[in-house]
PDB file of all heavy atoms in Angstrom:
ATOM      1  N   GLY A   1       5.638  -3.496   2.664  1.00  0.00           N
ATOM      2  CA  GLY A   1       6.722  -2.991   3.497  1.00  0.00           C
ATOM      3  C   GLY A   1       7.752  -4.058   3.823  1.00  0.00           C
ATOM      4  O   GLY A   1       8.962  -3.814   3.745  1.00  0.00           O
ATOM      5  N   GLU A   2       7.287  -5.237   4.194  1.00  0.00           N
ATOM      6  CA  GLU A   2       8.212  -6.331   4.530  1.00  0.00           C
ATOM      7  C   GLU A   2       9.045  -6.715   3.324  1.00  0.00           C
ATOM      8  O   GLU A   2      10.265  -6.945   3.427  1.00  0.00           O
ATOM      9  CB  GLU A   2       7.404  -7.530   5.035  1.00  0.00           C
ATOM     10  CG  GLU A   2       8.250  -8.683   5.569  1.00  0.00           C
ATOM     11  CD  GLU A   2       8.702  -9.648   4.476  1.00  0.00           C
ATOM     12  OE1 GLU A   2       8.038  -9.707   3.409  1.00  0.00           O
ATOM     13  OE2 GLU A   2       9.715 -10.354   4.688  1.00  0.00           O
ATOM     14  N   ARG A   3       8.430  -6.761   2.160  1.00  0.00           N
ATOM     15  CA  ARG A   3       9.154  -7.114   0.933  1.00  0.00           C
ATOM     16  C   ARG A   3      10.209  -6.057   0.607  1.00  0.00           C
ATOM     17  O   ARG A   3      11.318  -6.379   0.185  1.00  0.00           O
ATOM     18  CB  ARG A   3       8.168  -7.261  -0.229  1.00  0.00           C
ATOM     19  CG  ARG A   3       8.824  -7.630  -1.558  1.00  0.00           C
ATOM     20  CD  ARG A   3       7.817  -7.560  -2.686  1.00  0.00           C
ATOM     21  NE  ARG A   3       6.768  -8.555  -2.529  1.00  0.00           N
ATOM     22  CZ  ARG A   3       5.630  -8.559  -3.227  1.00  0.00           C
ATOM     23  NH1 ARG A   3       5.387  -7.592  -4.095  1.00  0.00           N
ATOM     24  NH2 ARG A   3       4.735  -9.499  -3.056  1.00  0.00           N
ATOM     25  N   MET A   4       9.844  -4.786   0.807  1.00  0.00           N
ATOM     26  CA  MET A   4      10.791  -3.706   0.543  1.00  0.00           C
ATOM     27  C   MET A   4      12.019  -3.832   1.445  1.00  0.00           C
ATOM     28  O   MET A   4      13.162  -3.673   0.995  1.00  0.00           O
ATOM     29  CB  MET A   4      10.100  -2.356   0.768  1.00  0.00           C
ATOM     30  CG  MET A   4      10.508  -1.285  -0.225  1.00  0.00           C
ATOM     31  SD  MET A   4       9.721   0.324   0.102  1.00  0.00           S
ATOM     32  CE  MET A   4       8.030  -0.139   0.456  1.00  0.00           C
ATOM     33  N   LEU A   5      11.789  -4.099   2.714  1.00  0.00           N
ATOM     34  CA  LEU A   5      12.890  -4.241   3.658  1.00  0.00           C
ATOM     35  C   LEU A   5      13.767  -5.445   3.326  1.00  0.00           C
ATOM     36  O   LEU A   5      14.988  -5.397   3.476  1.00  0.00           O
ATOM     37  CB  LEU A   5      12.344  -4.388   5.080  1.00  0.00           C
ATOM     38  CG  LEU A   5      11.693  -3.137   5.678  1.00  0.00           C
ATOM     39  CD1 LEU A   5      10.858  -3.504   6.893  1.00  0.00           C
ATOM     40  CD2 LEU A   5      12.761  -2.117   6.049  1.00  0.00           C
ATOM     41  N   ARG A   6      13.132  -6.483   2.839  1.00  0.00           N
ATOM     42  CA  ARG A   6      13.873  -7.721   2.561  1.00  0.00           C
ATOM     43  C   ARG A   6      14.647  -7.656   1.253  1.00  0.00           C
ATOM     44  O   ARG A   6      15.768  -8.163   1.153  1.00  0.00           O
ATOM     45  CB  ARG A   6      12.883  -8.889   2.557  1.00  0.00           C
ATOM     46  CG  ARG A   6      13.498 -10.248   2.257  1.00  0.00           C
ATOM     47  CD  ARG A   6      12.517 -11.374   2.567  1.00  0.00           C
ATOM     48  NE  ARG A   6      11.161 -11.068   2.159  1.00  0.00           N
ATOM     49  CZ  ARG A   6      10.684 -11.247   0.921  1.00  0.00           C
ATOM     50  NH1 ARG A   6      11.492 -11.687  -0.042  1.00  0.00           N
ATOM     51  NH2 ARG A   6       9.425 -10.990   0.629  1.00  0.00           N
ATOM     52  N   THR A   7      14.045  -7.039   0.235  1.00  0.00           N
ATOM     53  CA  THR A   7      14.659  -7.053  -1.100  1.00  0.00           C
ATOM     54  C   THR A   7      15.325  -5.737  -1.480  1.00  0.00           C
ATOM     55  O   THR A   7      16.143  -5.705  -2.400  1.00  0.00           O
ATOM     56  CB  THR A   7      13.605  -7.374  -2.169  1.00  0.00           C
ATOM     57  OG1 THR A   7      12.665  -6.283  -2.253  1.00  0.00           O
ATOM     58  CG2 THR A   7      12.859  -8.665  -1.830  1.00  0.00           C
ATOM     59  N   GLY A   8      14.926  -4.647  -0.808  1.00  0.00           N
ATOM     60  CA  GLY A   8      15.443  -3.340  -1.179  1.00  0.00           C
ATOM     61  C   GLY A   8      14.738  -2.723  -2.363  1.00  0.00           C
ATOM     62  O   GLY A   8      15.158  -1.689  -2.885  1.00  0.00           O
ATOM     63  N   ARG A   9      13.631  -3.328  -2.807  1.00  0.00           N
ATOM     64  CA  ARG A   9      12.902  -2.838  -3.982  1.00  0.00           C
ATOM     65  C   ARG A   9      11.448  -2.514  -3.619  1.00  0.00           C
ATOM     66  O   ARG A   9      10.856  -3.180  -2.771  1.00  0.00           O
ATOM     67  CB  ARG A   9      12.920  -3.874  -5.108  1.00  0.00           C
ATOM     68  CG  ARG A   9      14.294  -4.154  -5.677  1.00  0.00           C
ATOM     69  CD  ARG A   9      14.240  -5.151  -6.820  1.00  0.00           C
ATOM     70  NE  ARG A   9      13.776  -6.464  -6.364  1.00  0.00           N
ATOM     71  CZ  ARG A   9      12.579  -6.960  -6.618  1.00  0.00           C
ATOM     72  NH1 ARG A   9      11.676  -6.249  -7.298  1.00  0.00           N
ATOM     73  NH2 ARG A   9      12.246  -8.172  -6.188  1.00  0.00           N
ATOM     74  N   LEU A  10      10.905  -1.518  -4.319  1.00  0.00           N
ATOM     75  CA  LEU A  10       9.491  -1.165  -4.161  1.00  0.00           C
ATOM     76  C   LEU A  10       8.694  -1.936  -5.196  1.00  0.00           C
ATOM     77  O   LEU A  10       8.751  -1.650  -6.385  1.00  0.00           O
ATOM     78  CB  LEU A  10       9.308   0.345  -4.362  1.00  0.00           C
ATOM     79  CG  LEU A  10       7.868   0.880  -4.343  1.00  0.00           C
ATOM     80  CD1 LEU A  10       7.162   0.509  -3.050  1.00  0.00           C
ATOM     81  CD2 LEU A  10       7.875   2.389  -4.543  1.00  0.00           C
ATOM     82  N   ASP A  11       7.975  -2.952  -4.738  1.00  0.00           N
ATOM     83  CA  ASP A  11       7.220  -3.832  -5.632  1.00  0.00           C
ATOM     84  C   ASP A  11       5.815  -3.995  -5.054  1.00  0.00           C
ATOM     85  O   ASP A  11       5.637  -4.577  -3.985  1.00  0.00           O
ATOM     86  CB  ASP A  11       7.926  -5.180  -5.735  1.00  0.00           C
ATOM     87  CG  ASP A  11       7.186  -6.166  -6.629  1.00  0.00           C
ATOM     88  OD1 ASP A  11       6.189  -5.768  -7.273  1.00  0.00           O
ATOM     89  OD2 ASP A  11       7.597  -7.344  -6.673  1.00  0.00           O
ATOM     90  N   LEU A  12       4.811  -3.488  -5.769  1.00  0.00           N
ATOM     91  CA  LEU A  12       3.434  -3.526  -5.275  1.00  0.00           C
ATOM     92  C   LEU A  12       2.676  -4.789  -5.668  1.00  0.00           C
ATOM     93  O   LEU A  12       1.557  -5.002  -5.205  1.00  0.00           O
ATOM     94  CB  LEU A  12       2.653  -2.313  -5.799  1.00  0.00           C
ATOM     95  CG  LEU A  12       3.178  -0.915  -5.468  1.00  0.00           C
ATOM     96  CD1 LEU A  12       2.159   0.131  -5.912  1.00  0.00           C
ATOM     97  CD2 LEU A  12       3.489  -0.761  -3.990  1.00  0.00           C
ATOM     98  N   ASP A  13       3.233  -5.625  -6.522  1.00  0.00           N
ATOM     99  CA  ASP A  13       2.499  -6.764  -7.064  1.00  0.00           C
ATOM    100  C   ASP A  13       2.191  -7.800  -5.977  1.00  0.00           C
ATOM    101  O   ASP A  13       3.076  -8.488  -5.471  1.00  0.00           O
ATOM    102  CB  ASP A  13       3.320  -7.417  -8.182  1.00  0.00           C
ATOM    103  CG  ASP A  13       2.561  -8.552  -8.865  1.00  0.00           C
ATOM    104  OD1 ASP A  13       1.341  -8.713  -8.594  1.00  0.00           O
ATOM    105  OD2 ASP A  13       3.177  -9.288  -9.658  1.00  0.00           O
ATOM    106  N   LEU A  14       0.908  -7.912  -5.643  1.00  0.00           N
ATOM    107  CA  LEU A  14       0.458  -8.889  -4.645  1.00  0.00           C
ATOM    108  C   LEU A  14      -0.485  -9.918  -5.270  1.00  0.00           C
ATOM    109  O   LEU A  14      -1.281 -10.536  -4.571  1.00  0.00           O
ATOM    110  CB  LEU A  14      -0.253  -8.174  -3.492  1.00  0.00           C
ATOM    111  CG  LEU A  14       0.579  -7.161  -2.695  1.00  0.00           C
ATOM    112  CD1 LEU A  14      -0.262  -6.555  -1.585  1.00  0.00           C
ATOM    113  CD2 LEU A  14       1.828  -7.804  -2.121  1.00  0.00           C
ATOM    114  N   SER A  15      -0.370 -10.082  -6.571  1.00  0.00           N
ATOM    115  CA  SER A  15      -1.289 -10.994  -7.267  1.00  0.00           C
ATOM    116  C   SER A  15      -1.189 -12.425  -6.742  1.00  0.00           C
ATOM    117  O   SER A  15      -2.175 -13.173  -6.781  1.00  0.00           O
ATOM    118  CB  SER A  15      -1.025 -10.966  -8.777  1.00  0.00           C
ATOM    119  OG  SER A  15       0.337 -11.262  -9.067  1.00  0.00           O
ATOM    120  N   ALA A  16      -0.027 -12.807  -6.227  1.00  0.00           N
ATOM    121  CA  ALA A  16       0.121 -14.161  -5.695  1.00  0.00           C
ATOM    122  C   ALA A  16      -0.755 -14.380  -4.463  1.00  0.00           C
ATOM    123  O   ALA A  16      -1.137 -15.518  -4.157  1.00  0.00           O
ATOM    124  CB  ALA A  16       1.591 -14.421  -5.347  1.00  0.00           C
ATOM    125  N   ASP A  17      -1.087 -13.312  -3.759  1.00  0.00           N
ATOM    126  CA  ASP A  17      -1.925 -13.404  -2.553  1.00  0.00           C
ATOM    127  C   ASP A  17      -3.357 -12.939  -2.820  1.00  0.00           C
ATOM    128  O   ASP A  17      -4.125 -12.721  -1.867  1.00  0.00           O
ATOM    129  CB  ASP A  17      -1.337 -12.551  -1.420  1.00  0.00           C
ATOM    130  CG  ASP A  17      -0.005 -13.093  -0.920  1.00  0.00           C
ATOM    131  OD1 ASP A  17       0.128 -14.318  -0.824  1.00  0.00           O
ATOM    132  OD2 ASP A  17       0.884 -12.273  -0.628  1.00  0.00           O
ATOM    133  N   ARG A  18      -3.705 -12.795  -4.077  1.00  0.00           N
ATOM    134  CA  ARG A  18      -5.007 -12.221  -4.421  1.00  0.00           C
ATOM    135  C   ARG A  18      -6.166 -13.011  -3.810  1.00  0.00           C
ATOM    136  O   ARG A  18      -7.082 -12.422  -3.228  1.00  0.00           O
ATOM    137  CB  ARG A  18      -5.164 -12.163  -5.936  1.00  0.00           C
ATOM    138  CG  ARG A  18      -6.515 -11.632  -6.396  1.00  0.00           C
ATOM    139  CD  ARG A  18      -6.562 -11.458  -7.904  1.00  0.00           C
ATOM    140  NE  ARG A  18      -7.870 -11.047  -8.354  1.00  0.00           N
ATOM    141  CZ  ARG A  18      -8.171 -10.732  -9.618  1.00  0.00           C
ATOM    142  NH1 ARG A  18      -7.219 -10.784 -10.548  1.00  0.00           N
ATOM    143  NH2 ARG A  18      -9.394 -10.371  -9.954  1.00  0.00           N
ATOM    144  N   GLU A  19      -6.142 -14.306  -3.910  1.00  0.00           N
ATOM    145  CA  GLU A  19      -7.266 -15.113  -3.416  1.00  0.00           C
ATOM    146  C   GLU A  19      -7.438 -14.948  -1.909  1.00  0.00           C
ATOM    147  O   GLU A  19      -8.560 -14.743  -1.417  1.00  0.00           O
ATOM    148  CB  GLU A  19      -7.042 -16.586  -3.762  1.00  0.00           C
ATOM    149  CG  GLU A  19      -8.221 -17.483  -3.408  1.00  0.00           C
ATOM    150  CD  GLU A  19      -8.027 -18.905  -3.892  1.00  0.00           C
ATOM    151  OE1 GLU A  19      -7.173 -19.136  -4.760  1.00  0.00           O
ATOM    152  OE2 GLU A  19      -8.745 -19.794  -3.374  1.00  0.00           O
ATOM    153  N   LEU A  20      -6.329 -14.998  -1.184  1.00  0.00           N
ATOM    154  CA  LEU A  20      -6.418 -14.882   0.269  1.00  0.00           C
ATOM    155  C   LEU A  20      -6.829 -13.477   0.697  1.00  0.00           C
ATOM    156  O   LEU A  20      -7.649 -13.308   1.607  1.00  0.00           O
ATOM    157  CB  LEU A  20      -5.073 -15.248   0.901  1.00  0.00           C
ATOM    158  CG  LEU A  20      -4.811 -16.733   1.150  1.00  0.00           C
ATOM    159  CD1 LEU A  20      -3.400 -16.952   1.642  1.00  0.00           C
ATOM    160  CD2 LEU A  20      -5.829 -17.306   2.146  1.00  0.00           C
ATOM    161  N   LEU A  21      -6.270 -12.458   0.048  1.00  0.00           N
ATOM    162  CA  LEU A  21      -6.627 -11.085   0.413  1.00  0.00           C
ATOM    163  C   LEU A  21      -8.083 -10.780   0.070  1.00  0.00           C
ATOM    164  O   LEU A  21      -8.752 -10.045   0.802  1.00  0.00           O
ATOM    165  CB  LEU A  21      -5.697 -10.099  -0.300  1.00  0.00           C
ATOM    166  CG  LEU A  21      -4.299  -9.978   0.308  1.00  0.00           C
ATOM    167  CD1 LEU A  21      -3.374  -9.197  -0.606  1.00  0.00           C
ATOM    168  CD2 LEU A  21      -4.372  -9.314   1.682  1.00  0.00           C
ATOM    169  N   THR A  22      -8.567 -11.358  -1.006  1.00  0.00           N
ATOM    170  CA  THR A  22      -9.981 -11.191  -1.350  1.00  0.00           C
ATOM    171  C   THR A  22     -10.863 -11.837  -0.286  1.00  0.00           C
ATOM    172  O   THR A  22     -11.910 -11.292   0.099  1.00  0.00           O
ATOM    173  CB  THR A  22     -10.278 -11.813  -2.726  1.00  0.00           C
ATOM    174  OG1 THR A  22      -9.488 -11.156  -3.721  1.00  0.00           O
ATOM    175  CG2 THR A  22     -11.752 -11.669  -3.081  1.00  0.00           C
ATOM    176  N   ALA A  23     -10.426 -12.990   0.202  1.00  0.00           N
ATOM    177  CA  ALA A  23     -11.178 -13.675   1.255  1.00  0.00           C
ATOM    178  C   ALA A  23     -11.178 -12.845   2.538  1.00  0.00           C
ATOM    179  O   ALA A  23     -12.198 -12.752   3.238  1.00  0.00           O
ATOM    180  CB  ALA A  23     -10.574 -15.050   1.518  1.00  0.00           C
ATOM    181  N   VAL A  24     -10.055 -12.226   2.864  1.00  0.00           N
ATOM    182  CA  VAL A  24      -9.995 -11.368   4.051  1.00  0.00           C
ATOM    183  C   VAL A  24     -10.961 -10.197   3.904  1.00  0.00           C
ATOM    184  O   VAL A  24     -11.747  -9.889   4.807  1.00  0.00           O
ATOM    185  CB  VAL A  24      -8.562 -10.841   4.288  1.00  0.00           C
ATOM    186  CG1 VAL A  24      -8.569  -9.800   5.408  1.00  0.00           C
ATOM    187  CG2 VAL A  24      -7.621 -11.982   4.635  1.00  0.00           C
ATOM    188  N   ALA A  25     -10.911  -9.523   2.758  1.00  0.00           N
ATOM    189  CA  ALA A  25     -11.767  -8.361   2.529  1.00  0.00           C
ATOM    190  C   ALA A  25     -13.245  -8.721   2.591  1.00  0.00           C
ATOM    191  O   ALA A  25     -14.085  -7.891   2.976  1.00  0.00           O
ATOM    192  CB  ALA A  25     -11.441  -7.737   1.179  1.00  0.00           C
ATOM    193  N   ALA A  26     -13.569  -9.941   2.225  1.00  0.00           N
ATOM    194  CA  ALA A  26     -14.970 -10.398   2.251  1.00  0.00           C
ATOM    195  C   ALA A  26     -15.369 -10.972   3.606  1.00  0.00           C
ATOM    196  O   ALA A  26     -16.522 -11.378   3.799  1.00  0.00           O
ATOM    197  CB  ALA A  26     -15.188 -11.447   1.159  1.00  0.00           C
ATOM    198  N   GLY A  27     -14.430 -11.013   4.549  1.00  0.00           N
ATOM    199  CA  GLY A  27     -14.738 -11.571   5.866  1.00  0.00           C
ATOM    200  C   GLY A  27     -14.843 -13.077   5.862  1.00  0.00           C
ATOM    201  O   GLY A  27     -15.461 -13.668   6.748  1.00  0.00           O
ATOM    202  N   GLU A  28     -14.208 -13.706   4.881  1.00  0.00           N
ATOM    203  CA  GLU A  28     -14.314 -15.162   4.733  1.00  0.00           C
ATOM    204  C   GLU A  28     -13.151 -15.910   5.373  1.00  0.00           C
ATOM    205  O   GLU A  28     -13.176 -17.141   5.440  1.00  0.00           O
ATOM    206  CB  GLU A  28     -14.404 -15.526   3.252  1.00  0.00           C
ATOM    207  CG  GLU A  28     -15.650 -14.971   2.572  1.00  0.00           C
ATOM    208  CD  GLU A  28     -15.628 -15.155   1.066  1.00  0.00           C
ATOM    209  OE1 GLU A  28     -14.596 -15.636   0.552  1.00  0.00           O
ATOM    210  OE2 GLU A  28     -16.635 -14.815   0.415  1.00  0.00           O
ATOM    211  N   LEU A  29     -12.124 -15.185   5.811  1.00  0.00           N
ATOM    212  CA  LEU A  29     -11.002 -15.822   6.488  1.00  0.00           C
ATOM    213  C   LEU A  29     -11.199 -15.657   7.995  1.00  0.00           C
ATOM    214  O   LEU A  29     -11.485 -14.552   8.455  1.00  0.00           O
ATOM    215  CB  LEU A  29      -9.684 -15.179   6.059  1.00  0.00           C
ATOM    216  CG  LEU A  29      -8.402 -15.943   6.395  1.00  0.00           C
ATOM    217  CD1 LEU A  29      -8.280 -17.175   5.502  1.00  0.00           C
ATOM    218  CD2 LEU A  29      -7.180 -15.048   6.217  1.00  0.00           C
ATOM    219  N   PRO A  30     -11.067 -16.718   8.779  1.00  0.00           N
ATOM    220  CA  PRO A  30     -11.238 -16.588  10.229  1.00  0.00           C
ATOM    221  C   PRO A  30     -10.309 -15.517  10.807  1.00  0.00           C
ATOM    222  O   PRO A  30      -9.175 -15.352  10.342  1.00  0.00           O
ATOM    223  CB  PRO A  30     -10.869 -17.984  10.750  1.00  0.00           C
ATOM    224  CG  PRO A  30     -11.136 -18.897   9.603  1.00  0.00           C
ATOM    225  CD  PRO A  30     -10.780 -18.108   8.373  1.00  0.00           C
ATOM    226  N   TRP A  31     -10.811 -14.806  11.799  1.00  0.00           N
ATOM    227  CA  TRP A  31     -10.010 -13.743  12.400  1.00  0.00           C
ATOM    228  C   TRP A  31      -8.675 -14.262  12.922  1.00  0.00           C
ATOM    229  O   TRP A  31      -7.643 -13.584  12.792  1.00  0.00           O
ATOM    230  CB  TRP A  31     -10.779 -13.087  13.535  1.00  0.00           C
ATOM    231  CG  TRP A  31      -9.918 -12.196  14.391  1.00  0.00           C
ATOM    232  CD1 TRP A  31      -9.537 -12.411  15.686  1.00  0.00           C
ATOM    233  CD2 TRP A  31      -9.300 -10.967  13.994  1.00  0.00           C
ATOM    234  NE1 TRP A  31      -8.730 -11.406  16.136  1.00  0.00           N
ATOM    235  CE2 TRP A  31      -8.563 -10.488  15.100  1.00  0.00           C
ATOM    236  CE3 TRP A  31      -9.303 -10.229  12.822  1.00  0.00           C
ATOM    237  CZ2 TRP A  31      -7.833  -9.311  15.075  1.00  0.00           C
ATOM    238  CZ3 TRP A  31      -8.577  -9.047  12.783  1.00  0.00           C
ATOM    239  CH2 TRP A  31      -7.849  -8.600  13.892  1.00  0.00           C
ATOM    240  N   THR A  32      -8.662 -15.451  13.501  1.00  0.00           N
ATOM    241  CA  THR A  32      -7.411 -15.984  14.038  1.00  0.00           C
ATOM    242  C   THR A  32      -6.362 -16.121  12.942  1.00  0.00           C
ATOM    243  O   THR A  32      -5.163 -15.884  13.190  1.00  0.00           O
ATOM    244  CB  THR A  32      -7.635 -17.352  14.700  1.00  0.00           C
ATOM    245  OG1 THR A  32      -8.308 -18.229  13.766  1.00  0.00           O
ATOM    246  CG2 THR A  32      -8.492 -17.214  15.955  1.00  0.00           C
ATOM    247  N   GLU A  33      -6.783 -16.481  11.728  1.00  0.00           N
ATOM    248  CA  GLU A  33      -5.829 -16.620  10.627  1.00  0.00           C
ATOM    249  C   GLU A  33      -5.373 -15.255  10.126  1.00  0.00           C
ATOM    250  O   GLU A  33      -4.188 -15.059   9.815  1.00  0.00           O
ATOM    251  CB  GLU A  33      -6.457 -17.425   9.486  1.00  0.00           C
ATOM    252  CG  GLU A  33      -6.722 -18.882   9.834  1.00  0.00           C
ATOM    253  CD  GLU A  33      -7.224 -19.684   8.649  1.00  0.00           C
ATOM    254  OE1 GLU A  33      -6.824 -19.364   7.507  1.00  0.00           O
ATOM    255  OE2 GLU A  33      -8.016 -20.623   8.859  1.00  0.00           O
ATOM    256  N   ALA A  34      -6.302 -14.315  10.030  1.00  0.00           N
ATOM    257  CA  ALA A  34      -5.937 -12.966   9.602  1.00  0.00           C
ATOM    258  C   ALA A  34      -4.992 -12.336  10.617  1.00  0.00           C
ATOM    259  O   ALA A  34      -3.994 -11.682  10.262  1.00  0.00           O
ATOM    260  CB  ALA A  34      -7.186 -12.104   9.434  1.00  0.00           C
ATOM    261  N   GLN A  35      -5.291 -12.526  11.892  1.00  0.00           N
ATOM    262  CA  GLN A  35      -4.457 -11.981  12.957  1.00  0.00           C
ATOM    263  C   GLN A  35      -3.053 -12.587  12.915  1.00  0.00           C
ATOM    264  O   GLN A  35      -2.042 -11.865  13.054  1.00  0.00           O
ATOM    265  CB  GLN A  35      -5.105 -12.267  14.310  1.00  0.00           C
ATOM    266  CG  GLN A  35      -4.391 -11.635  15.491  1.00  0.00           C
ATOM    267  CD  GLN A  35      -5.101 -11.922  16.798  1.00  0.00           C
ATOM    268  OE1 GLN A  35      -5.622 -13.023  17.017  1.00  0.00           O
ATOM    269  NE2 GLN A  35      -5.154 -10.935  17.682  1.00  0.00           N
ATOM    270  N   ALA A  36      -2.990 -13.888  12.704  1.00  0.00           N
ATOM    271  CA  ALA A  36      -1.689 -14.552  12.627  1.00  0.00           C
ATOM    272  C   ALA A  36      -0.885 -14.030  11.437  1.00  0.00           C
ATOM    273  O   ALA A  36       0.349 -13.879  11.517  1.00  0.00           O
ATOM    274  CB  ALA A  36      -1.883 -16.064  12.514  1.00  0.00           C
ATOM    275  N   TRP A  37      -1.573 -13.733  10.337  1.00  0.00           N
ATOM    276  CA  TRP A  37      -0.918 -13.201   9.138  1.00  0.00           C
ATOM    277  C   TRP A  37      -0.297 -11.832   9.443  1.00  0.00           C
ATOM    278  O   TRP A  37       0.860 -11.576   9.107  1.00  0.00           O
ATOM    279  CB  TRP A  37      -1.945 -13.102   8.021  1.00  0.00           C
ATOM    280  CG  TRP A  37      -1.386 -12.901   6.633  1.00  0.00           C
ATOM    281  CD1 TRP A  37      -0.090 -12.636   6.295  1.00  0.00           C
ATOM    282  CD2 TRP A  37      -2.126 -12.943   5.414  1.00  0.00           C
ATOM    283  NE1 TRP A  37       0.025 -12.505   4.926  1.00  0.00           N
ATOM    284  CE2 TRP A  37      -1.198 -12.692   4.361  1.00  0.00           C
ATOM    285  CE3 TRP A  37      -3.472 -13.159   5.106  1.00  0.00           C
ATOM    286  CZ2 TRP A  37      -1.596 -12.658   3.021  1.00  0.00           C
ATOM    287  CZ3 TRP A  37      -3.862 -13.129   3.775  1.00  0.00           C
ATOM    288  CH2 TRP A  37      -2.934 -12.881   2.746  1.00  0.00           C
ATOM    289  N   VAL A  38      -1.089 -10.985  10.092  1.00  0.00           N
ATOM    290  CA  VAL A  38      -0.593  -9.650  10.433  1.00  0.00           C
ATOM    291  C   VAL A  38       0.601  -9.743  11.378  1.00  0.00           C
ATOM    292  O   VAL A  38       1.634  -9.081  11.169  1.00  0.00           O
ATOM    293  CB  VAL A  38      -1.706  -8.803  11.084  1.00  0.00           C
ATOM    294  CG1 VAL A  38      -1.136  -7.493  11.632  1.00  0.00           C
ATOM    295  CG2 VAL A  38      -2.807  -8.514  10.078  1.00  0.00           C
ATOM    296  N   GLU A  39       0.495 -10.550  12.421  1.00  0.00           N
ATOM    297  CA  GLU A  39       1.576 -10.657  13.396  1.00  0.00           C
ATOM    298  C   GLU A  39       2.837 -11.237  12.765  1.00  0.00           C
ATOM    299  O   GLU A  39       3.962 -10.827  13.085  1.00  0.00           O
ATOM    300  CB  GLU A  39       1.140 -11.504  14.589  1.00  0.00           C
ATOM    301  CG  GLU A  39       0.048 -10.863  15.434  1.00  0.00           C
ATOM    302  CD  GLU A  39       0.475  -9.524  16.039  1.00  0.00           C
ATOM    303  OE1 GLU A  39       1.697  -9.287  16.187  1.00  0.00           O
ATOM    304  OE2 GLU A  39      -0.411  -8.714  16.359  1.00  0.00           O
ATOM    305  N   SER A  40       2.657 -12.175  11.845  1.00  0.00           N
ATOM    306  CA  SER A  40       3.809 -12.741  11.148  1.00  0.00           C
ATOM    307  C   SER A  40       4.515 -11.683  10.316  1.00  0.00           C
ATOM    308  O   SER A  40       5.756 -11.601  10.308  1.00  0.00           O
ATOM    309  CB  SER A  40       3.363 -13.902  10.251  1.00  0.00           C
ATOM    310  OG  SER A  40       4.441 -14.378   9.468  1.00  0.00           O
ATOM    311  N   LEU A  41       3.744 -10.862   9.621  1.00  0.00           N
ATOM    312  CA  LEU A  41       4.330  -9.796   8.813  1.00  0.00           C
ATOM    313  C   LEU A  41       5.059  -8.779   9.690  1.00  0.00           C
ATOM    314  O   LEU A  41       6.135  -8.289   9.333  1.00  0.00           O
ATOM    315  CB  LEU A  41       3.241  -9.094   7.999  1.00  0.00           C
ATOM    316  CG  LEU A  41       2.705  -9.879   6.795  1.00  0.00           C
ATOM    317  CD1 LEU A  41       1.441  -9.218   6.249  1.00  0.00           C
ATOM    318  CD2 LEU A  41       3.762  -9.949   5.688  1.00  0.00           C
TER     319      LEU A  41
END
């Protein structure tokens, strides 16, 4: 959503964040970091 608002394009490719998002899904990223990511977005 943030990318769409910024660029005006619908682009689903999140491969650049794959490692971090995989860590979030596995519960391997501290909640404080995940929370900060969400609030930043």
